[in-house]
PDB file of N, CA and C in Angstrom:
ATOM      1  N   MET A   1       0.860  -1.389   0.190  1.00  0.00           N
ATOM      2  CA  MET A   1       0.494  -0.815  -0.346  1.00  0.00           C
ATOM      3  C   MET A   1       0.778   1.366  -0.354  1.00  0.00           C
ATOM      4  N   ASN A   2       0.702   2.144  -0.756  1.00  0.00           N
ATOM      5  CA  ASN A   2       1.380   3.341  -1.285  1.00  0.00           C
ATOM      6  C   ASN A   2       0.706   4.568  -0.225  1.00  0.00           C
ATOM      7  N   LEU A   3       1.921   5.472  -0.014  1.00  0.00           N
ATOM      8  CA  LEU A   3       1.526   7.329   0.422  1.00  0.00           C
ATOM      9  C   LEU A   3       0.152   7.418   0.280  1.00  0.00           C
ATOM     10  N   ASN A   4      -0.296   6.968  -1.818  1.00  0.00           N
ATOM     11  CA  ASN A   4      -1.256   8.104  -2.044  1.00  0.00           C
ATOM     12  C   ASN A   4      -3.133   6.939  -1.516  1.00  0.00           C
ATOM     13  N   GLN A   5      -2.629   5.957  -1.720  1.00  0.00           N
ATOM     14  CA  GLN A   5      -3.703   4.974  -0.963  1.00  0.00           C
ATOM     15  C   GLN A   5      -3.804   4.913   0.051  1.00  0.00           C
ATOM     16  N   ILE A   6      -3.299   4.700   1.322  1.00  0.00           N
ATOM     17  CA  ILE A   6      -3.581   5.826   2.851  1.00  0.00           C
ATOM     18  C   ILE A   6      -4.368   6.610   2.883  1.00  0.00           C
ATOM     19  N   VAL A   7      -3.216   7.833   1.945  1.00  0.00           N
ATOM     20  CA  VAL A   7      -4.066   9.386   1.710  1.00  0.00           C
ATOM     21  C   VAL A   7      -5.595   8.553   1.805  1.00  0.00           C
ATOM     22  N   ASN A   8      -5.927   8.326   0.141  1.00  0.00           N
ATOM     23  CA  ASN A   8      -7.218   8.744   0.071  1.00  0.00           C
ATOM     24  C   ASN A   8      -8.192   7.626   1.042  1.00  0.00           C
ATOM     25  N   MET A   9      -8.088   6.756   2.096  1.00  0.00           N
ATOM     26  CA  MET A   9      -8.362   5.844   2.305  1.00  0.00           C
ATOM     27  C   MET A   9      -8.668   6.452   4.035  1.00  0.00           C
ATOM     28  N   ILE A  10      -7.937   7.440   4.394  1.00  0.00           N
ATOM     29  CA  ILE A  10      -8.616   8.766   5.366  1.00  0.00           C
ATOM     30  C   ILE A  10      -9.783   9.347   5.354  1.00  0.00           C
ATOM     31  N   LEU A  11      -9.233  10.022   4.039  1.00  0.00           N
ATOM     32  CA  LEU A  11     -10.095  11.786   3.539  1.00  0.00           C
ATOM     33  C   LEU A  11     -11.279  11.039   3.431  1.00  0.00           C
ATOM     34  N   ARG A  12     -11.028   9.768   2.633  1.00  0.00           N
ATOM     35  CA  ARG A  12     -13.068   9.023   2.622  1.00  0.00           C
ATOM     36  C   ARG A  12     -12.887   8.800   3.842  1.00  0.00           C
ATOM     37  N   ARG A  13     -12.614   8.920   4.566  1.00  0.00           N
ATOM     38  CA  ARG A  13     -14.068   7.658   6.531  1.00  0.00           C
ATOM     39  C   ARG A  13     -14.080   9.515   6.527  1.00  0.00           C
ATOM     40  N   VAL A  14     -12.813  10.556   6.551  1.00  0.00           N
ATOM     41  CA  VAL A  14     -13.248  11.795   7.518  1.00  0.00           C
ATOM     42  C   VAL A  14     -14.575  11.937   6.481  1.00  0.00           C
ATOM     43  N   MET A  15     -14.272  12.642   5.363  1.00  0.00           N
ATOM     44  CA  MET A  15     -15.684  13.157   4.169  1.00  0.00           C
ATOM     45  C   MET A  15     -16.562  11.945   5.183  1.00  0.00           C
ATOM     46  N   ARG A  16     -16.868  10.861   4.900  1.00  0.00           N
ATOM     47  CA  ARG A  16     -18.335  10.264   4.802  1.00  0.00           C
ATOM     48  C   ARG A  16     -18.825  10.162   6.250  1.00  0.00           C
ATOM     49  N   GLN A  17     -17.741  10.542   7.647  1.00  0.00           N
ATOM     50  CA  GLN A  17     -18.932  11.614   8.605  1.00  0.00           C
ATOM     51  C   GLN A  17     -19.259  12.407   8.945  1.00  0.00           C
ATOM     52  N   LEU A  18     -18.135  13.816   7.822  1.00  0.00           N
ATOM     53  CA  LEU A  18     -18.736  14.727   7.878  1.00  0.00           C
ATOM     54  C   LEU A  18     -20.352  15.370   6.829  1.00  0.00           C
ATOM     55  N   ILE A  19     -19.888  14.408   6.064  1.00  0.00           N
ATOM     56  CA  ILE A  19     -21.783  14.590   5.583  1.00  0.00           C
ATOM     57  C   ILE A  19     -22.595  13.616   5.735  1.00  0.00           C
ATOM     58  N   ARG A  20     -22.587  13.341   6.231  1.00  0.00           N
ATOM     59  CA  ARG A  20     -23.034  11.859   7.464  1.00  0.00           C
ATOM     60  C   ARG A  20     -23.592  13.036   8.580  1.00  0.00           C
ATOM     61  N   LYS A  21     -23.376  13.914   9.121  1.00  0.00           N
ATOM     62  CA  LYS A  21     -23.832  15.381  10.821  1.00  0.00           C
ATOM     63  C   LYS A  21     -24.344  16.242   9.207  1.00  0.00           C
ATOM     64  N   GLY A  22     -23.334  16.237   8.900  1.00  0.00           N
ATOM     65  CA  GLY A  22     -23.940  17.478   7.626  1.00  0.00           C
ATOM     66  C   GLY A  22     -25.142  16.904   7.352  1.00  0.00           C
ATOM     67  N   VAL A  23     -26.024  16.024   6.247  1.00  0.00           N
ATOM     68  CA  VAL A  23     -27.613  16.083   6.465  1.00  0.00           C
ATOM     69  C   VAL A  23     -28.631  15.214   7.899  1.00  0.00           C
ATOM     70  N   ASP A  24     -27.351  14.435   9.065  1.00  0.00           N
ATOM     71  CA  ASP A  24     -27.973  14.383  10.345  1.00  0.00           C
ATOM     72  C   ASP A  24     -28.392  16.100  10.422  1.00  0.00           C
ATOM     73  N   LYS A  25     -27.946  16.733  10.256  1.00  0.00           N
ATOM     74  CA  LYS A  25     -28.673  18.625  10.705  1.00  0.00           C
ATOM     75  C   LYS A  25     -28.495  19.314   9.947  1.00  0.00           C
ATOM     76  N   GLY A  26     -28.874  18.608   8.813  1.00  0.00           N
ATOM     77  CA  GLY A  26     -30.250  19.743   7.494  1.00  0.00           C
ATOM     78  C   GLY A  26     -31.581  18.796   7.637  1.00  0.00           C
ATOM     79  N   ILE A  27     -32.064  17.403   8.345  1.00  0.00           N
ATOM     80  CA  ILE A  27     -32.646  17.297   7.901  1.00  0.00           C
ATOM     81  C   ILE A  27     -33.271  17.679   9.708  1.00  0.00           C
ATOM     82  N   GLY A  28     -32.618  17.851  10.737  1.00  0.00           N
ATOM     83  CA  GLY A  28     -33.144  17.689  11.914  1.00  0.00           C
ATOM     84  C   GLY A  28     -33.885  19.571  11.956  1.00  0.00           C
ATOM     85  N   MET A  29     -33.195  19.969  11.047  1.00  0.00           N
ATOM     86  CA  MET A  29     -33.170  21.915  11.028  1.00  0.00           C
ATOM     87  C   MET A  29     -34.654  22.404  10.304  1.00  0.00           C
ATOM     88  N   ALA A  30     -34.897  20.280   9.172  1.00  0.00           N
ATOM     89  CA  ALA A  30     -35.609  20.692   8.316  1.00  0.00           C
ATOM     90  C   ALA A  30     -37.067  20.176   8.930  1.00  0.00           C
ATOM     91  N   ALA A  31     -36.464  20.000  10.182  1.00  0.00           N
ATOM     92  CA  ALA A  31     -38.078  19.564  11.147  1.00  0.00           C
ATOM     93  C   ALA A  31     -37.892  19.930  12.020  1.00  0.00           C
ATOM     94  N   GLY A  32     -37.830  21.005  12.271  1.00  0.00           N
ATOM     95  CA  GLY A  32     -37.661  22.637  12.567  1.00  0.00           C
ATOM     96  C   GLY A  32     -37.442  23.072  14.570  1.00  0.00           C
ATOM     97  N   GLY A  33     -35.790  22.608  13.729  1.00  0.00           N
ATOM     98  CA  GLY A  33     -35.092  22.808  14.149  1.00  0.00           C
ATOM     99  C   GLY A  33     -34.810  23.778  15.793  1.00  0.00           C
ATOM    100  N   ARG A  34     -33.502  24.123  15.786  1.00  0.00           N
ATOM    101  CA  ARG A  34     -33.327  26.192  16.304  1.00  0.00           C
ATOM    102  C   ARG A  34     -34.268  26.939  16.376  1.00  0.00           C
ATOM    103  N   SER A  35     -34.643  27.274  14.485  1.00  0.00           N
ATOM    104  CA  SER A  35     -35.102  28.186  14.392  1.00  0.00           C
ATOM    105  C   SER A  35     -36.729  28.432  14.680  1.00  0.00           C
ATOM    106  N   ALA A  36     -37.244  26.944  14.704  1.00  0.00           N
ATOM    107  CA  ALA A  36     -39.147  26.916  15.189  1.00  0.00           C
ATOM    108  C   ALA A  36     -39.203  27.736  16.118  1.00  0.00           C
ATOM    109  N   ARG A  37     -40.545  28.055  15.969  1.00  0.00           N
ATOM    110  CA  ARG A  37     -41.458  28.752  17.106  1.00  0.00           C
ATOM    111  C   ARG A  37     -41.646  27.989  17.967  1.00  0.00           C
ATOM    112  N   SER A  38     -41.003  28.779  19.765  1.00  0.00           N
ATOM    113  CA  SER A  38     -42.149  28.023  21.087  1.00  0.00           C
ATOM    114  C   SER A  38     -43.132  27.033  20.079  1.00  0.00           C
ATOM    115  N   GLY A  39     -43.430  26.648  21.682  1.00  0.00           N
ATOM    116  CA  GLY A  39     -44.312  25.978  21.997  1.00  0.00           C
ATOM    117  C   GLY A  39     -46.337  27.133  22.185  1.00  0.00           C
ATOM    118  N   ASP A  40     -45.611  28.489  22.692  1.00  0.00           N
ATOM    119  CA  ASP A  40     -46.456  29.630  23.272  1.00  0.00           C
ATOM    120  C   ASP A  40     -46.605  29.489  22.566  1.00  0.00           C
ATOM    121  N   ASP A  41     -46.045  30.176  21.033  1.00  0.00           N
ATOM    122  CA  ASP A  41     -46.705  31.047  20.576  1.00  0.00           C
ATOM    123  C   ASP A  41     -47.825  29.769  18.625  1.00  0.00           C
ATOM    124  N   MET A  42     -47.513  28.745  18.946  1.00  0.00           N
ATOM    125  CA  MET A  42     -47.994  28.055  18.316  1.00  0.00           C
ATOM    126  C   MET A  42     -49.644  27.630  17.415  1.00  0.00           C
ATOM    127  N   THR A  43     -50.098  27.246  17.577  1.00  0.00           N
ATOM    128  CA  THR A  43     -51.961  27.324  17.804  1.00  0.00           C
ATOM    129  C   THR A  43     -51.557  25.795  18.030  1.00  0.00           C
ATOM    130  N   PRO A  44     -53.133  24.962  18.433  1.00  0.00           N
ATOM    131  CA  PRO A  44     -52.143  23.530  18.677  1.00  0.00           C
ATOM    132  C   PRO A  44     -52.519  22.160  17.058  1.00  0.00           C
ATOM    133  N   GLU A  45     -53.189  22.949  16.325  1.00  0.00           N
ATOM    134  CA  GLU A  45     -52.406  22.293  14.403  1.00  0.00           C
ATOM    135  C   GLU A  45     -51.591  22.498  13.764  1.00  0.00           C
ATOM    136  N   GLU A  46     -50.601  24.179  14.226  1.00  0.00           N
ATOM    137  CA  GLU A  46     -48.781  23.844  14.339  1.00  0.00           C
ATOM    138  C   GLU A  46     -47.778  22.767  15.070  1.00  0.00           C
ATOM    139  N   ARG A  47     -48.386  22.563  16.818  1.00  0.00           N
ATOM    140  CA  ARG A  47     -47.605  22.422  17.830  1.00  0.00           C
ATOM    141  C   ARG A  47     -48.537  20.412  16.839  1.00  0.00           C
ATOM    142  N   LYS A  48     -48.955  20.248  15.856  1.00  0.00           N
ATOM    143  CA  LYS A  48     -49.452  18.835  15.612  1.00  0.00           C
ATOM    144  C   LYS A  48     -48.709  19.075  14.971  1.00  0.00           C
ATOM    145  N   ARG A  49     -48.434  19.731  13.310  1.00  0.00           N
ATOM    146  CA  ARG A  49     -47.500  19.231  12.720  1.00  0.00           C
ATOM    147  C   ARG A  49     -46.242  18.823  13.114  1.00  0.00           C
ATOM    148  N   ALA A  50     -45.532  20.185  13.779  1.00  0.00           N
ATOM    149  CA  ALA A  50     -43.868  20.182  14.164  1.00  0.00           C
ATOM    150  C   ALA A  50     -44.318  19.199  14.606  1.00  0.00           C
ATOM    151  N   ARG A  51     -45.596  18.370  15.373  1.00  0.00           N
ATOM    152  CA  ARG A  51     -44.148  16.629  16.820  1.00  0.00           C
ATOM    153  C   ARG A  51     -44.481  15.948  15.073  1.00  0.00           C
ATOM    154  N   ALA A  52     -45.513  15.548  14.425  1.00  0.00           N
ATOM    155  CA  ALA A  52     -44.889  14.959  12.715  1.00  0.00           C
ATOM    156  C   ALA A  52     -44.552  15.205  12.462  1.00  0.00           C
ATOM    157  N   ALA A  53     -43.331  16.790  12.058  1.00  0.00           N
ATOM    158  CA  ALA A  53     -42.328  16.394  11.946  1.00  0.00           C
ATOM    159  C   ALA A  53     -41.555  16.293  11.847  1.00  0.00           C
ATOM    160  N   LYS A  54     -41.062  16.281  13.444  1.00  0.00           N
ATOM    161  CA  LYS A  54     -40.404  15.321  14.187  1.00  0.00           C
ATOM    162  C   LYS A  54     -40.097  13.630  13.521  1.00  0.00           C
ATOM    163  N   GLU A  55     -41.246  13.690  14.345  1.00  0.00           N
ATOM    164  CA  GLU A  55     -41.415  11.749  14.236  1.00  0.00           C
ATOM    165  C   GLU A  55     -40.133  11.852  13.036  1.00  0.00           C
ATOM    166  N   THR A  56     -41.275  12.108  12.056  1.00  0.00           N
ATOM    167  CA  THR A  56     -40.533  12.145   9.838  1.00  0.00           C
ATOM    168  C   THR A  56     -39.713  12.368   9.814  1.00  0.00           C
ATOM    169  N   ALA A  57     -38.567  13.798  10.514  1.00  0.00           N
ATOM    170  CA  ALA A  57     -36.987  12.875  11.064  1.00  0.00           C
ATOM    171  C   ALA A  57     -36.507  12.109  12.013  1.00  0.00           C
ATOM    172  N   ARG A  58     -36.805  11.926  13.769  1.00  0.00           N
ATOM    173  CA  ARG A  58     -36.042  10.996  13.498  1.00  0.00           C
ATOM    174  C   ARG A  58     -36.452   8.804  12.746  1.00  0.00           C
ATOM    175  N   LYS A  59     -37.688   8.890  11.674  1.00  0.00           N
ATOM    176  CA  LYS A  59     -37.732   7.969  10.957  1.00  0.00           C
ATOM    177  C   LYS A  59     -36.629   8.037  10.212  1.00  0.00           C
ATOM    178  N   ALA A  60     -36.981   9.108   9.324  1.00  0.00           N
ATOM    179  CA  ALA A  60     -35.849   9.604   8.155  1.00  0.00           C
ATOM    180  C   ALA A  60     -34.224   9.178   8.689  1.00  0.00           C
ATOM    181  N   LYS A  61     -34.152   9.555   9.957  1.00  0.00           N
ATOM    182  CA  LYS A  61     -32.491   9.294  10.863  1.00  0.00           C
ATOM    183  C   LYS A  61     -31.768   7.877  10.448  1.00  0.00           C
ATOM    184  N   ARG A  62     -33.144   7.416  11.374  1.00  0.00           N
ATOM    185  CA  ARG A  62     -33.120   5.799  10.440  1.00  0.00           C
ATOM    186  C   ARG A  62     -33.346   5.235  10.259  1.00  0.00           C
ATOM    187  N   ALA A  63     -33.574   5.442   9.119  1.00  0.00           N
ATOM    188  CA  ALA A  63     -33.608   4.367   8.191  1.00  0.00           C
ATOM    189  C   ALA A  63     -32.612   4.965   7.325  1.00  0.00           C
ATOM    190  N   ALA A  64     -31.707   5.890   7.529  1.00  0.00           N
ATOM    191  CA  ALA A  64     -30.352   6.038   6.538  1.00  0.00           C
ATOM    192  C   ALA A  64     -29.887   5.659   7.520  1.00  0.00           C
ATOM    193  N   ARG A  65     -29.441   5.766   8.997  1.00  0.00           N
ATOM    194  CA  ARG A  65     -28.396   4.597   9.620  1.00  0.00           C
ATOM    195  C   ARG A  65     -28.185   3.465   8.802  1.00  0.00           C
ATOM    196  N   LEU A  66     -30.271   2.658   9.387  1.00  0.00           N
ATOM    197  CA  LEU A  66     -30.271   1.060   9.031  1.00  0.00           C
ATOM    198  C   LEU A  66     -29.438   1.352   6.767  1.00  0.00           C
ATOM    199  N   ALA A  67     -29.436   2.226   6.244  1.00  0.00           N
ATOM    200  CA  ALA A  67     -28.793   2.407   4.971  1.00  0.00           C
ATOM    201  C   ALA A  67     -27.342   1.819   5.807  1.00  0.00           C
ATOM    202  N   ARG A  68     -27.020   2.698   6.274  1.00  0.00           N
ATOM    203  CA  ARG A  68     -24.955   3.147   5.873  1.00  0.00           C
ATOM    204  C   ARG A  68     -25.511   1.888   6.962  1.00  0.00           C
ATOM    205  N   ARG A  69     -25.345   0.968   7.723  1.00  0.00           N
ATOM    206  CA  ARG A  69     -25.263  -0.128   7.985  1.00  0.00           C
ATOM    207  C   ARG A  69     -25.074  -1.387   7.109  1.00  0.00           C
ATOM    208  N   MET A  70     -26.006  -1.411   6.442  1.00  0.00           N
ATOM    209  CA  MET A  70     -26.365  -2.002   5.260  1.00  0.00           C
ATOM    210  C   MET A  70     -25.070  -1.861   4.223  1.00  0.00           C
ATOM    211  N   ARG A  71     -24.756  -0.889   3.729  1.00  0.00           N
ATOM    212  CA  ARG A  71     -23.680  -1.394   2.925  1.00  0.00           C
ATOM    213  C   ARG A  71     -22.176  -2.614   2.960  1.00  0.00           C
TER     214      ARG A  71
END
């Protein structure tokens, strides 16, 4: 194994981890992360939608983890 292969192997692992964190963060933000309104400002319908969005985000993260394991 030469130096180029070793460097590529390390870079691939680092990039995979960074991309995984970015995808997880993006899913979290899309589901109403820090920028979401507080519970006091929301109507009951908005709270219901926010809860559903968070649950969908959890399911998406779980599916992504499962897909990564299957690789």
